[in-house]
């Protein structure tokens, strides 16, 4: 089993993941439990974080016309990927 990875998520990033990352159960639960916190620690296996990245990428492509949103999604994708050691 892969070692879990903890990623610090800001409140705006939380909102992006919940709306556009279609997080799976454990990540979603942690994000929702974090509520209005400015910064929260979210821990799950790299496998599930990679699924969030894929979903964010799909949402980025679907919202390419909204440059601000697409840029925010790209920045979040890159930050998560960096934390996973993918970049």
Protein backbone atom coordinates (compact mmCIF):
# COMPACT_ATOMS: atom_id res chain seq x y z
CA UNK A 1 0.00 0.00 0.00
CA UNK A 2 1.21 3.49 -0.84
CA UNK A 3 2.25 5.81 1.96
CA UNK A 4 -0.40 8.53 2.49
CA UNK A 5 0.45 12.07 1.42
CA UNK A 6 -0.66 15.15 3.33
CA UNK A 7 -1.28 18.29 1.31
CA UNK A 8 -2.07 21.69 2.76
CA UNK A 9 -5.16 23.07 1.05
CA UNK A 10 -6.37 26.68 1.26
CA UNK A 11 -10.02 27.58 1.50
CA UNK A 12 -10.23 28.69 -2.19
CA UNK A 13 -8.48 25.46 -3.25
CA UNK A 14 -10.92 23.49 -1.10
CA UNK A 15 -13.81 25.05 -3.01
CA UNK A 16 -12.17 24.24 -6.37
CA UNK A 17 -11.55 20.60 -5.41
CA UNK A 18 -15.09 20.12 -4.12
CA UNK A 19 -16.65 21.69 -7.22
CA UNK A 20 -14.29 20.64 -10.01
CA UNK A 21 -12.12 17.82 -8.63
CA UNK A 22 -14.94 15.42 -7.86
CA UNK A 23 -13.00 14.13 -4.85
CA UNK A 24 -13.49 10.64 -3.61
CA UNK A 25 -14.97 9.83 -0.24
CA UNK A 26 -12.08 10.32 2.17
CA UNK A 27 -10.71 13.51 0.61
CA UNK A 28 -14.23 14.92 0.30
CA UNK A 29 -14.98 14.16 3.96
CA UNK A 30 -11.78 15.85 5.12
CA UNK A 31 -12.46 18.92 2.98
CA UNK A 32 -15.98 19.22 4.32
CA UNK A 33 -14.82 18.74 7.92
CA UNK A 34 -12.29 21.54 7.36
CA UNK A 35 -15.22 23.89 6.88
CA UNK A 36 -14.21 27.51 6.77
CA UNK A 37 -10.60 27.00 7.87
CA UNK A 38 -8.13 29.12 5.91
CA UNK A 39 -5.71 26.20 5.66
CA UNK A 40 -6.32 22.50 6.19
CA UNK A 41 -4.28 19.29 6.07
CA UNK A 42 -5.78 16.68 3.77
CA UNK A 43 -4.26 13.19 3.80
CA UNK A 44 -4.86 10.32 1.40
CA UNK A 45 -2.92 7.91 -0.78
CA UNK A 46 -1.21 9.22 -3.92
CA UNK A 47 -3.64 7.12 -5.97
CA UNK A 48 -6.64 9.18 -4.82
CA UNK A 49 -4.76 12.47 -5.16
CA UNK A 50 -3.91 11.49 -8.74
CA UNK A 51 -7.62 10.90 -9.43
CA UNK A 52 -8.33 14.42 -8.16
CA UNK A 53 -5.65 15.77 -10.53
CA UNK A 54 -7.25 13.94 -13.46
CA UNK A 55 -10.69 15.31 -12.58
CA UNK A 56 -9.33 18.84 -12.16
CA UNK A 57 -7.62 18.54 -15.56
CA UNK A 58 -10.88 17.49 -17.22
CA UNK A 59 -12.64 20.44 -15.57
CA UNK A 60 -9.83 22.75 -16.70
CA UNK A 61 -10.37 21.65 -20.31
CA UNK A 62 -14.16 21.97 -20.03
CA UNK A 63 -13.79 25.52 -18.67
CA UNK A 64 -10.98 26.69 -20.95
CA UNK A 65 -13.03 29.69 -22.10
CA UNK A 66 -13.00 31.03 -18.53
CA UNK A 67 -9.30 31.88 -18.39
CA UNK A 68 -9.34 32.86 -14.72
CA UNK A 69 -10.97 29.60 -13.63
CA UNK A 70 -8.83 27.50 -15.96
CA UNK A 71 -5.71 29.23 -14.61
CA UNK A 72 -6.74 28.58 -11.00
CA UNK A 73 -7.37 24.92 -11.81
CA UNK A 74 -3.99 24.63 -13.57
CA UNK A 75 -2.19 26.18 -10.60
CA UNK A 76 -3.91 23.77 -8.22
CA UNK A 77 -3.11 20.77 -10.44
CA UNK A 78 0.54 21.77 -10.55
CA UNK A 79 0.72 22.33 -6.79
CA UNK A 80 -0.80 18.95 -5.96
CA UNK A 81 1.39 17.22 -8.57
CA UNK A 82 4.46 18.87 -7.08
CA UNK A 83 3.50 17.67 -3.58
CA UNK A 84 3.18 14.15 -4.99
CA UNK A 85 6.64 14.40 -6.55
CA UNK A 86 5.25 14.27 -10.08
CA UNK A 87 6.99 17.48 -11.21
